[in-house]
Amino acid sequence: MKHKPVHFAIYIDDMDRAKTFYSNLFGWNYNNYGPDDFLQIKDSDTNDAQLIGALQSRKYSPIAEKINGFECSIETENIDELILKIKNNNGEIVMPKTEIPHVGWLVKFLDTEGNILCAIQYHKRV
């Protein structure tokens, strides 16, 4: 699939409360990644667990309104081309193209219905 969902983010107010809730509900585990208010979600506690998403503080939201729900990330092969398509189709860029070191380039945008999405172009693995 050319543009498949590859990641989601859940904006939270209380990290400990959210960790407990999702661990108890789905059996998710976590990796520390950067600051204390951002955790990677793993689908299990095994060594080969897949990273599937993140719990992150609301301060990372690029919009003023409180986001309820998941922010989905869609993989793309060419982020610059996709940014042009977003603009040409009445989407709104709310966080410009930004690099996550050793991961890739991402952009956050609103669709025509006001939903927030993220697109990511992963760095090529050598």
Protein backbone atom coordinates (compact mmCIF):
# COMPACT_ATOMS: atom_id res chain seq x y z
CA MET A 1 0.00 0.00 0.00
CA LYS A 2 1.49 3.33 -1.04
CA HIS A 3 0.15 5.55 1.77
CA LYS A 4 -0.51 3.24 4.71
CA PRO A 5 -1.07 4.16 8.36
CA VAL A 6 2.14 3.44 10.26
CA HIS A 7 1.83 5.15 13.64
CA PHE A 8 -0.64 6.84 15.96
CA ALA A 9 -0.32 9.29 18.82
CA ILE A 10 -2.61 9.67 21.81
CA TYR A 11 -2.49 13.09 23.47
CA ILE A 12 -2.66 12.82 27.24
CA ASP A 13 -2.89 14.98 30.36
CA ASP A 14 -1.49 12.50 32.91
CA MET A 15 1.21 10.07 31.76
CA ASP A 16 0.95 7.64 34.68
CA ARG A 17 -2.83 7.46 34.43
CA ALA A 18 -2.71 6.92 30.65
CA LYS A 19 0.03 4.27 30.89
CA THR A 20 -1.95 2.33 33.48
CA PHE A 21 -5.18 2.57 31.52
CA TYR A 22 -3.76 1.34 28.20
CA SER A 23 -1.56 -1.31 29.81
CA ASN A 24 -4.56 -2.73 31.65
CA LEU A 25 -6.83 -2.44 28.62
CA PHE A 26 -4.61 -3.69 25.78
CA GLY A 27 -1.46 -5.07 27.45
CA TRP A 28 0.67 -2.36 25.85
CA ASN A 29 4.22 -1.72 27.05
CA TYR A 30 6.38 1.35 26.62
CA ASN A 31 9.83 2.62 25.65
CA ASN A 32 11.23 5.86 26.98
CA TYR A 33 12.06 8.09 24.06
CA GLY A 34 13.23 11.61 24.78
CA PRO A 35 11.42 13.66 27.43
CA ASP A 36 9.36 12.21 30.29
CA ASP A 37 6.10 13.34 28.69
CA PHE A 38 6.57 11.21 25.56
CA LEU A 39 6.56 7.39 25.47
CA GLN A 40 6.65 4.97 22.57
CA ILE A 41 3.93 2.31 22.71
CA LYS A 42 5.00 -1.30 22.11
CA ASP A 43 2.49 -4.05 21.29
CA SER A 44 4.00 -6.45 23.86
CA ASP A 45 6.82 -6.83 26.36
CA THR A 46 8.89 -9.16 24.16
CA ASN A 47 12.25 -8.29 22.61
CA ASP A 48 10.71 -8.27 19.13
CA ALA A 49 7.78 -6.05 20.12
CA GLN A 50 6.58 -3.68 17.42
CA LEU A 51 6.47 0.07 18.04
CA ILE A 52 2.93 1.06 17.15
CA GLY A 53 2.36 4.53 18.57
CA ALA A 54 3.04 7.08 21.28
CA LEU A 55 1.56 8.55 24.41
CA GLN A 56 2.45 12.24 24.37
CA SER A 57 1.70 15.38 26.31
CA ARG A 58 -0.86 17.75 24.87
CA LYS A 59 1.90 20.38 24.71
CA TYR A 60 3.12 18.65 21.53
CA SER A 61 -0.12 19.42 19.72
CA PRO A 62 0.39 21.93 16.91
CA ILE A 63 -3.17 23.31 17.29
CA ALA A 64 -4.84 25.20 20.13
CA GLU A 65 -7.95 23.03 20.34
CA LYS A 66 -7.80 19.97 22.61
CA ILE A 67 -7.36 16.85 20.50
CA ASN A 68 -9.53 13.93 21.57
CA GLY A 69 -8.80 10.76 19.68
CA PHE A 70 -5.79 9.40 17.89
CA GLU A 71 -3.53 11.36 15.56
CA CYS A 72 -2.73 8.96 12.75
CA SER A 73 0.55 9.05 10.82
CA ILE A 74 0.56 8.06 7.15
CA GLU A 75 3.78 6.94 5.44
CA THR A 76 4.71 8.67 2.20
CA GLU A 77 7.58 8.25 -0.25
CA ASN A 78 7.90 11.99 -0.98
CA ILE A 79 6.93 14.39 1.79
CA ASP A 80 7.52 17.52 -0.29
CA GLU A 81 5.15 16.30 -2.99
CA LEU A 82 2.55 15.42 -0.36
CA ILE A 83 2.84 18.88 1.25
CA LEU A 84 1.98 20.43 -2.13
CA LYS A 85 -1.01 18.10 -2.45
CA ILE A 86 -2.21 19.04 1.04
CA LYS A 87 -2.09 22.73 0.16
CA ASN A 88 -3.61 22.25 -3.30
CA ASN A 89 -6.53 20.30 -1.82
CA ASN A 90 -7.44 22.86 0.87
CA GLY A 91 -5.62 21.17 3.75
CA GLU A 92 -3.86 23.32 6.32
CA ILE A 93 -0.25 22.75 7.43
CA VAL A 94 -0.14 23.19 11.22
CA MET A 95 3.43 21.96 11.78
CA PRO A 96 5.89 22.45 8.92
CA LYS A 97 8.18 19.75 7.62
CA THR A 98 10.35 18.73 10.57
CA GLU A 99 13.07 16.14 10.89
CA ILE A 100 13.10 13.49 13.60
CA PRO A 101 16.79 12.56 13.71
CA HIS A 102 17.49 8.97 12.61
CA VAL A 103 13.78 8.47 11.76
CA GLY A 104 12.55 10.73 8.98
CA TRP A 105 10.70 13.88 7.95
CA LEU A 106 7.18 14.66 9.07
CA VAL A 107 4.49 17.27 8.63
CA LYS A 108 1.25 17.74 10.58
CA PHE A 109 -1.85 19.03 8.87
CA LEU A 110 -5.59 19.46 9.12
CA ASP A 111 -7.83 17.88 6.53
CA THR A 112 -10.86 19.70 5.13
CA GLU A 113 -12.94 18.43 8.09
CA GLY A 114 -10.59 19.77 10.78
CA ASN A 115 -9.03 16.38 11.62
CA ILE A 116 -5.32 16.40 12.44
CA LEU A 117 -3.04 13.99 10.60
CA CYS A 118 0.67 13.44 10.30
CA ALA A 119 2.60 12.32 7.22
CA ILE A 120 6.08 10.82 7.51
CA GLN A 121 8.80 10.04 5.01
CA TYR A 122 11.21 7.65 6.68
CA HIS A 123 14.94 8.03 6.12
CA LYS A 124 16.26 5.43 3.73
CA ARG A 125 18.01 2.58 5.50
CA VAL A 126 21.49 1.89 4.12
